[in-house]
């Protein structure tokens, strides 16, 4: 994902939480996932070299990268 696409995406979403190198945004405007084309629920940006995600529900995930960050698009099942 290039810088322009990443900046447009993150500026269109609602910031949710930033903890230990993991930042989440809520997709309150039903933007389509760049990987699968379906609207996604949350964008999760993992900024550190290692991150642990504790999921409280079953999710489908689409994955991309921006620079050295892993970018996850969550889809509730």
PDB file of N, CA and C in Angstrom:
ATOM      1  N   UNK A   1       0.852  -1.154   0.000  1.00  0.00           N
ATOM      2  CA  UNK A   1       0.000   0.000   0.000  1.00  0.00           C
ATOM      3  C   UNK A   1       0.910   1.232   0.000  1.00  0.00           C
ATOM      4  N   UNK A   2       0.651   2.154  -0.917  1.00  0.00           N
ATOM      5  CA  UNK A   2       1.507   3.334  -0.990  1.00  0.00           C
ATOM      6  C   UNK A   2       1.067   4.382   0.041  1.00  0.00           C
ATOM      7  N   UNK A   3       1.894   5.417   0.224  1.00  0.00           N
ATOM      8  CA  UNK A   3       1.638   6.431   1.243  1.00  0.00           C
ATOM      9  C   UNK A   3       0.315   7.155   1.033  1.00  0.00           C
ATOM     10  N   UNK A   4      -0.003   7.512  -0.208  1.00  0.00           N
ATOM     11  CA  UNK A   4      -1.235   8.254  -0.489  1.00  0.00           C
ATOM     12  C   UNK A   4      -2.463   7.424  -0.129  1.00  0.00           C
ATOM     13  N   UNK A   5      -2.461   6.145  -0.500  1.00  0.00           N
ATOM     14  CA  UNK A   5      -3.585   5.265  -0.188  1.00  0.00           C
ATOM     15  C   UNK A   5      -3.733   5.083   1.325  1.00  0.00           C
ATOM     16  N   UNK A   6      -2.607   4.890   2.014  1.00  0.00           N
ATOM     17  CA  UNK A   6      -2.613   4.715   3.466  1.00  0.00           C
ATOM     18  C   UNK A   6      -3.132   5.973   4.164  1.00  0.00           C
ATOM     19  N   UNK A   7      -2.634   7.135   3.760  1.00  0.00           N
ATOM     20  CA  UNK A   7      -3.061   8.397   4.369  1.00  0.00           C
ATOM     21  C   UNK A   7      -4.546   8.661   4.137  1.00  0.00           C
ATOM     22  N   UNK A   8      -5.027   8.387   2.937  1.00  0.00           N
ATOM     23  CA  UNK A   8      -6.446   8.580   2.630  1.00  0.00           C
ATOM     24  C   UNK A   8      -7.304   7.637   3.470  1.00  0.00           C
ATOM     25  N   UNK A   9      -6.859   6.409   3.590  1.00  0.00           N
ATOM     26  CA  UNK A   9      -7.599   5.411   4.360  1.00  0.00           C
ATOM     27  C   UNK A   9      -7.664   5.797   5.835  1.00  0.00           C
ATOM     28  N   UNK A  10      -6.528   6.072   6.457  1.00  0.00           N
ATOM     29  CA  UNK A  10      -6.521   6.371   7.890  1.00  0.00           C
ATOM     30  C   UNK A  10      -7.228   7.691   8.211  1.00  0.00           C
ATOM     31  N   UNK A  11      -7.205   8.643   7.304  1.00  0.00           N
ATOM     32  CA  UNK A  11      -7.891   9.911   7.569  1.00  0.00           C
ATOM     33  C   UNK A  11      -9.413   9.778   7.425  1.00  0.00           C
ATOM     34  N   UNK A  12      -9.877   8.736   6.743  1.00  0.00           N
ATOM     35  CA  UNK A  12     -11.317   8.505   6.564  1.00  0.00           C
ATOM     36  C   UNK A  12     -11.927   7.668   7.684  1.00  0.00           C
ATOM     37  N   UNK A  13     -11.091   7.025   8.481  1.00  0.00           N
ATOM     38  CA  UNK A  13     -11.567   6.138   9.546  1.00  0.00           C
ATOM     39  C   UNK A  13     -11.592   6.849  10.890  1.00  0.00           C
ATOM     40  N   UNK A  14     -12.289   6.260  11.857  1.00  0.00           N
ATOM     41  CA  UNK A  14     -12.386   6.817  13.200  1.00  0.00           C
ATOM     42  C   UNK A  14     -11.317   6.187  14.088  1.00  0.00           C
ATOM     43  N   UNK A  15     -10.362   6.979  14.603  1.00  0.00           N
ATOM     44  CA  UNK A  15      -9.352   6.406  15.504  1.00  0.00           C
ATOM     45  C   UNK A  15     -10.021   5.762  16.705  1.00  0.00           C
ATOM     46  N   UNK A  16      -9.507   4.606  17.115  1.00  0.00           N
ATOM     47  CA  UNK A  16     -10.119   3.879  18.222  1.00  0.00           C
ATOM     48  C   UNK A  16      -9.172   3.770  19.405  1.00  0.00           C
ATOM     49  N   UNK A  17      -7.993   3.161  19.193  1.00  0.00           N
ATOM     50  CA  UNK A  17      -7.098   2.886  20.309  1.00  0.00           C
ATOM     51  C   UNK A  17      -5.671   2.745  19.808  1.00  0.00           C
ATOM     52  N   UNK A  18      -4.711   3.163  20.623  1.00  0.00           N
ATOM     53  CA  UNK A  18      -3.299   2.974  20.323  1.00  0.00           C
ATOM     54  C   UNK A  18      -2.619   2.476  21.595  1.00  0.00           C
ATOM     55  N   UNK A  19      -2.171   1.204  21.571  1.00  0.00           N
ATOM     56  CA  UNK A  19      -1.553   0.585  22.735  1.00  0.00           C
ATOM     57  C   UNK A  19      -0.396  -0.292  22.287  1.00  0.00           C
ATOM     58  N   UNK A  20       0.767  -0.095  22.896  1.00  0.00           N
ATOM     59  CA  UNK A  20       1.935  -0.965  22.680  1.00  0.00           C
ATOM     60  C   UNK A  20       2.252  -1.208  21.207  1.00  0.00           C
ATOM     61  N   UNK A  21       2.259  -0.167  20.389  1.00  0.00           N
ATOM     62  CA  UNK A  21       2.627  -0.308  18.987  1.00  0.00           C
ATOM     63  C   UNK A  21       1.534  -0.843  18.090  1.00  0.00           C
ATOM     64  N   UNK A  22       0.315  -0.964  18.603  1.00  0.00           N
ATOM     65  CA  UNK A  22      -0.822  -1.413  17.802  1.00  0.00           C
ATOM     66  C   UNK A  22      -1.878  -0.308  17.831  1.00  0.00           C
ATOM     67  N   UNK A  23      -2.244   0.196  16.650  1.00  0.00           N
ATOM     68  CA  UNK A  23      -3.244   1.250  16.531  1.00  0.00           C
ATOM     69  C   UNK A  23      -4.450   0.694  15.794  1.00  0.00           C
ATOM     70  N   UNK A  24      -5.642   0.983  16.299  1.00  0.00           N
ATOM     71  CA  UNK A  24      -6.857   0.511  15.640  1.00  0.00           C
ATOM     72  C   UNK A  24      -7.738   1.692  15.242  1.00  0.00           C
ATOM     73  N   UNK A  25      -8.429   1.495  14.135  1.00  0.00           N
ATOM     74  CA  UNK A  25      -9.370   2.468  13.600  1.00  0.00           C
ATOM     75  C   UNK A  25     -10.671   1.734  13.287  1.00  0.00           C
ATOM     76  N   UNK A  26     -11.799   2.391  13.501  1.00  0.00           N
ATOM     77  CA  UNK A  26     -13.111   1.818  13.154  1.00  0.00           C
ATOM     78  C   UNK A  26     -13.545   2.348  11.794  1.00  0.00           C
ATOM     79  N   UNK A  27     -14.111   1.457  11.007  1.00  0.00           N
ATOM     80  CA  UNK A  27     -14.612   1.820   9.684  1.00  0.00           C
ATOM     81  C   UNK A  27     -16.097   2.150   9.822  1.00  0.00           C
ATOM     82  N   UNK A  28     -16.402   3.388  10.178  1.00  0.00           N
ATOM     83  CA  UNK A  28     -17.785   3.803  10.402  1.00  0.00           C
ATOM     84  C   UNK A  28     -18.460   4.285   9.124  1.00  0.00           C
ATOM     85  N   UNK A  29     -17.720   4.309   8.007  1.00  0.00           N
ATOM     86  CA  UNK A  29     -18.277   4.800   6.735  1.00  0.00           C
ATOM     87  C   UNK A  29     -18.305   3.727   5.649  1.00  0.00           C
ATOM     88  N   UNK A  30     -18.102   2.474   6.032  1.00  0.00           N
ATOM     89  CA  UNK A  30     -18.186   1.317   5.120  1.00  0.00           C
ATOM     90  C   UNK A  30     -17.253   1.399   3.922  1.00  0.00           C
ATOM     91  N   UNK A  31     -16.016   1.768   4.164  1.00  0.00           N
ATOM     92  CA  UNK A  31     -15.004   1.768   3.106  1.00  0.00           C
ATOM     93  C   UNK A  31     -14.702   0.322   2.725  1.00  0.00           C
ATOM     94  N   UNK A  32     -14.499   0.076   1.446  1.00  0.00           N
ATOM     95  CA  UNK A  32     -14.193  -1.276   0.961  1.00  0.00           C
ATOM     96  C   UNK A  32     -12.757  -1.664   1.309  1.00  0.00           C
ATOM     97  N   UNK A  33     -12.580  -2.913   1.663  1.00  0.00           N
ATOM     98  CA  UNK A  33     -11.251  -3.472   1.929  1.00  0.00           C
ATOM     99  C   UNK A  33     -10.476  -3.522   0.617  1.00  0.00           C
ATOM    100  N   UNK A  34      -9.238  -3.003   0.600  1.00  0.00           N
ATOM    101  CA  UNK A  34      -8.465  -3.040  -0.639  1.00  0.00           C
ATOM    102  C   UNK A  34      -8.090  -4.459  -1.078  1.00  0.00           C
ATOM    103  N   UNK A  35      -8.103  -5.409  -0.145  1.00  0.00           N
ATOM    104  CA  UNK A  35      -7.717  -6.774  -0.481  1.00  0.00           C
ATOM    105  C   UNK A  35      -8.860  -7.580  -1.089  1.00  0.00           C
ATOM    106  N   UNK A  36     -10.078  -7.478  -0.484  1.00  0.00           N
ATOM    107  CA  UNK A  36     -11.175  -8.326  -0.949  1.00  0.00           C
ATOM    108  C   UNK A  36     -12.348  -7.550  -1.557  1.00  0.00           C
ATOM    109  N   UNK A  37     -12.403  -6.237  -1.315  1.00  0.00           N
ATOM    110  CA  UNK A  37     -13.467  -5.429  -1.886  1.00  0.00           C
ATOM    111  C   UNK A  37     -14.714  -5.298  -1.031  1.00  0.00           C
ATOM    112  N   UNK A  38     -14.834  -6.096   0.042  1.00  0.00           N
ATOM    113  CA  UNK A  38     -15.973  -5.995   0.952  1.00  0.00           C
ATOM    114  C   UNK A  38     -15.679  -4.940   2.016  1.00  0.00           C
ATOM    115  N   UNK A  39     -16.713  -4.285   2.552  1.00  0.00           N
ATOM    116  CA  UNK A  39     -16.466  -3.354   3.655  1.00  0.00           C
ATOM    117  C   UNK A  39     -15.839  -4.098   4.830  1.00  0.00           C
ATOM    118  N   UNK A  40     -14.892  -3.459   5.500  1.00  0.00           N
ATOM    119  CA  UNK A  40     -14.252  -4.074   6.661  1.00  0.00           C
ATOM    120  C   UNK A  40     -14.741  -3.374   7.919  1.00  0.00           C
ATOM    121  N   UNK A  41     -14.503  -3.990   9.079  1.00  0.00           N
ATOM    122  CA  UNK A  41     -14.957  -3.425  10.351  1.00  0.00           C
ATOM    123  C   UNK A  41     -13.903  -2.538  11.001  1.00  0.00           C
ATOM    124  N   UNK A  42     -12.690  -3.050  11.122  1.00  0.00           N
ATOM    125  CA  UNK A  42     -11.617  -2.311  11.782  1.00  0.00           C
ATOM    126  C   UNK A  42     -10.326  -2.429  10.983  1.00  0.00           C
ATOM    127  N   UNK A  43      -9.499  -1.410  11.105  1.00  0.00           N
ATOM    128  CA  UNK A  43      -8.142  -1.431  10.556  1.00  0.00           C
ATOM    129  C   UNK A  43      -7.207  -1.520  11.745  1.00  0.00           C
ATOM    130  N   UNK A  44      -6.294  -2.481  11.725  1.00  0.00           N
ATOM    131  CA  UNK A  44      -5.327  -2.673  12.796  1.00  0.00           C
ATOM    132  C   UNK A  44      -3.942  -2.487  12.199  1.00  0.00           C
ATOM    133  N   UNK A  45      -3.173  -1.541  12.744  1.00  0.00           N
ATOM    134  CA  UNK A  45      -1.825  -1.256  12.257  1.00  0.00           C
ATOM    135  C   UNK A  45      -0.837  -1.692  13.326  1.00  0.00           C
ATOM    136  N   UNK A  46       0.025  -2.658  12.975  1.00  0.00           N
ATOM    137  CA  UNK A  46       1.046  -3.167  13.896  1.00  0.00           C
ATOM    138  C   UNK A  46       2.363  -2.495  13.547  1.00  0.00           C
ATOM    139  N   UNK A  47       2.807  -1.586  14.414  1.00  0.00           N
ATOM    140  CA  UNK A  47       3.971  -0.763  14.119  1.00  0.00           C
ATOM    141  C   UNK A  47       5.281  -1.376  14.593  1.00  0.00           C
ATOM    142  N   UNK A  48       5.242  -2.240  15.583  1.00  0.00           N
ATOM    143  CA  UNK A  48       6.457  -2.830  16.129  1.00  0.00           C
ATOM    144  C   UNK A  48       6.894  -4.046  15.351  1.00  0.00           C
ATOM    145  N   UNK A  49       8.106  -4.507  15.652  1.00  0.00           N
ATOM    146  CA  UNK A  49       8.621  -5.699  14.987  1.00  0.00           C
ATOM    147  C   UNK A  49       7.813  -6.928  15.378  1.00  0.00           C
ATOM    148  N   UNK A  50       7.371  -6.975  16.648  1.00  0.00           N
ATOM    149  CA  UNK A  50       6.551  -8.074  17.142  1.00  0.00           C
ATOM    150  C   UNK A  50       5.332  -7.491  17.839  1.00  0.00           C
ATOM    151  N   UNK A  51       4.180  -8.052  17.576  1.00  0.00           N
ATOM    152  CA  UNK A  51       2.945  -7.631  18.234  1.00  0.00           C
ATOM    153  C   UNK A  51       2.108  -8.862  18.522  1.00  0.00           C
ATOM    154  N   UNK A  52       1.350  -8.793  19.601  1.00  0.00           N
ATOM    155  CA  UNK A  52       0.444  -9.869  19.959  1.00  0.00           C
ATOM    156  C   UNK A  52      -0.964  -9.300  19.972  1.00  0.00           C
ATOM    157  N   UNK A  53      -1.870  -9.981  19.300  1.00  0.00           N
ATOM    158  CA  UNK A  53      -3.259  -9.550  19.258  1.00  0.00           C
ATOM    159  C   UNK A  53      -4.107 -10.543  20.026  1.00  0.00           C
ATOM    160  N   UNK A  54      -4.893 -10.040  20.968  1.00  0.00           N
ATOM    161  CA  UNK A  54      -5.802 -10.891  21.716  1.00  0.00           C
ATOM    162  C   UNK A  54      -7.199 -10.644  21.169  1.00  0.00           C
ATOM    163  N   UNK A  55      -7.715 -11.612  20.444  1.00  0.00           N
ATOM    164  CA  UNK A  55      -9.006 -11.462  19.785  1.00  0.00           C
ATOM    165  C   UNK A  55     -10.116 -11.997  20.683  1.00  0.00           C
ATOM    166  N   UNK A  56     -11.172 -11.211  20.829  1.00  0.00           N
ATOM    167  CA  UNK A  56     -12.295 -11.624  21.667  1.00  0.00           C
ATOM    168  C   UNK A  56     -13.427 -12.236  20.847  1.00  0.00           C
ATOM    169  N   UNK A  57     -13.273 -12.261  19.512  1.00  0.00           N
ATOM    170  CA  UNK A  57     -14.308 -12.845  18.653  1.00  0.00           C
ATOM    171  C   UNK A  57     -13.644 -13.409  17.390  1.00  0.00           C
ATOM    172  N   UNK A  58     -14.383 -14.237  16.685  1.00  0.00           N
ATOM    173  CA  UNK A  58     -13.893 -14.818  15.439  1.00  0.00           C
ATOM    174  C   UNK A  58     -13.936 -13.755  14.339  1.00  0.00           C
ATOM    175  N   UNK A  59     -12.833 -13.609  13.624  1.00  0.00           N
ATOM    176  CA  UNK A  59     -12.736 -12.618  12.558  1.00  0.00           C
ATOM    177  C   UNK A  59     -12.092 -13.221  11.328  1.00  0.00           C
ATOM    178  N   UNK A  60     -12.508 -12.745  10.172  1.00  0.00           N
ATOM    179  CA  UNK A  60     -11.750 -12.984   8.956  1.00  0.00           C
ATOM    180  C   UNK A  60     -10.795 -11.805   8.833  1.00  0.00           C
ATOM    181  N   UNK A  61      -9.591 -12.065   8.355  1.00  0.00           N
ATOM    182  CA  UNK A  61      -8.581 -11.016   8.232  1.00  0.00           C
ATOM    183  C   UNK A  61      -8.071 -10.916   6.805  1.00  0.00           C
ATOM    184  N   UNK A  62      -7.906  -9.700   6.333  1.00  0.00           N
ATOM    185  CA  UNK A  62      -7.176  -9.422   5.098  1.00  0.00           C
ATOM    186  C   UNK A  62      -5.922  -8.674   5.532  1.00  0.00           C
ATOM    187  N   UNK A  63      -4.815  -8.878   4.828  1.00  0.00           N
ATOM    188  CA  UNK A  63      -3.526  -8.346   5.266  1.00  0.00           C
ATOM    189  C   UNK A  63      -2.862  -7.562   4.152  1.00  0.00           C
ATOM    190  N   UNK A  64      -2.218  -6.468   4.549  1.00  0.00           N
ATOM    191  CA  UNK A  64      -1.403  -5.669   3.639  1.00  0.00           C
ATOM    192  C   UNK A  64      -0.218  -5.144   4.440  1.00  0.00           C
ATOM    193  N   UNK A  65       0.630  -4.383   3.798  1.00  0.00           N
ATOM    194  CA  UNK A  65       1.736  -3.731   4.487  1.00  0.00           C
ATOM    195  C   UNK A  65       1.821  -2.282   4.034  1.00  0.00           C
ATOM    196  N   UNK A  66       2.365  -1.461   4.916  1.00  0.00           N
ATOM    197  CA  UNK A  66       2.687  -0.072   4.588  1.00  0.00           C
ATOM    198  C   UNK A  66       4.038   0.196   5.219  1.00  0.00           C
ATOM    199  N   UNK A  67       5.024   0.491   4.385  1.00  0.00           N
ATOM    200  CA  UNK A  67       6.400   0.628   4.837  1.00  0.00           C
ATOM    201  C   UNK A  67       6.773  -0.615   5.620  1.00  0.00           C
ATOM    202  N   UNK A  68       7.151  -0.506   6.892  1.00  0.00           N
ATOM    203  CA  UNK A  68       7.516  -1.686   7.686  1.00  0.00           C
ATOM    204  C   UNK A  68       6.399  -2.116   8.628  1.00  0.00           C
ATOM    205  N   UNK A  69       5.187  -1.648   8.398  1.00  0.00           N
ATOM    206  CA  UNK A  69       4.066  -1.960   9.273  1.00  0.00           C
ATOM    207  C   UNK A  69       3.141  -2.984   8.637  1.00  0.00           C
ATOM    208  N   UNK A  70       2.598  -3.874   9.455  1.00  0.00           N
ATOM    209  CA  UNK A  70       1.588  -4.814   9.009  1.00  0.00           C
ATOM    210  C   UNK A  70       0.231  -4.151   9.196  1.00  0.00           C
ATOM    211  N   UNK A  71      -0.617  -4.230   8.179  1.00  0.00           N
ATOM    212  CA  UNK A  71      -1.930  -3.614   8.215  1.00  0.00           C
ATOM    213  C   UNK A  71      -2.983  -4.721   8.046  1.00  0.00           C
ATOM    214  N   UNK A  72      -3.860  -4.862   9.055  1.00  0.00           N
ATOM    215  CA  UNK A  72      -4.891  -5.892   9.053  1.00  0.00           C
ATOM    216  C   UNK A  72      -6.254  -5.244   8.876  1.00  0.00           C
ATOM    217  N   UNK A  73      -7.073  -5.830   8.034  1.00  0.00           N
ATOM    218  CA  UNK A  73      -8.457  -5.410   7.845  1.00  0.00           C
ATOM    219  C   UNK A  73      -9.321  -6.519   8.431  1.00  0.00           C
ATOM    220  N   UNK A  74     -10.125  -6.198   9.454  1.00  0.00           N
ATOM    221  CA  UNK A  74     -10.930  -7.230  10.103  1.00  0.00           C
ATOM    222  C   UNK A  74     -12.329  -7.255   9.523  1.00  0.00           C
ATOM    223  N   UNK A  75     -12.878  -8.453   9.445  1.00  0.00           N
ATOM    224  CA  UNK A  75     -14.256  -8.681   8.975  1.00  0.00           C
ATOM    225  C   UNK A  75     -14.917  -9.584  10.008  1.00  0.00           C
ATOM    226  N   UNK A  76     -15.952  -9.067  10.686  1.00  0.00           N
ATOM    227  CA  UNK A  76     -16.671  -9.883  11.664  1.00  0.00           C
ATOM    228  C   UNK A  76     -17.408 -11.004  10.953  1.00  0.00           C
ATOM    229  N   UNK A  77     -17.435 -12.156  11.571  1.00  0.00           N
ATOM    230  CA  UNK A  77     -18.131 -13.301  10.998  1.00  0.00           C
ATOM    231  C   UNK A  77     -19.561 -13.328  11.461  1.00  0.00           C
TER     232      UNK A  77
END
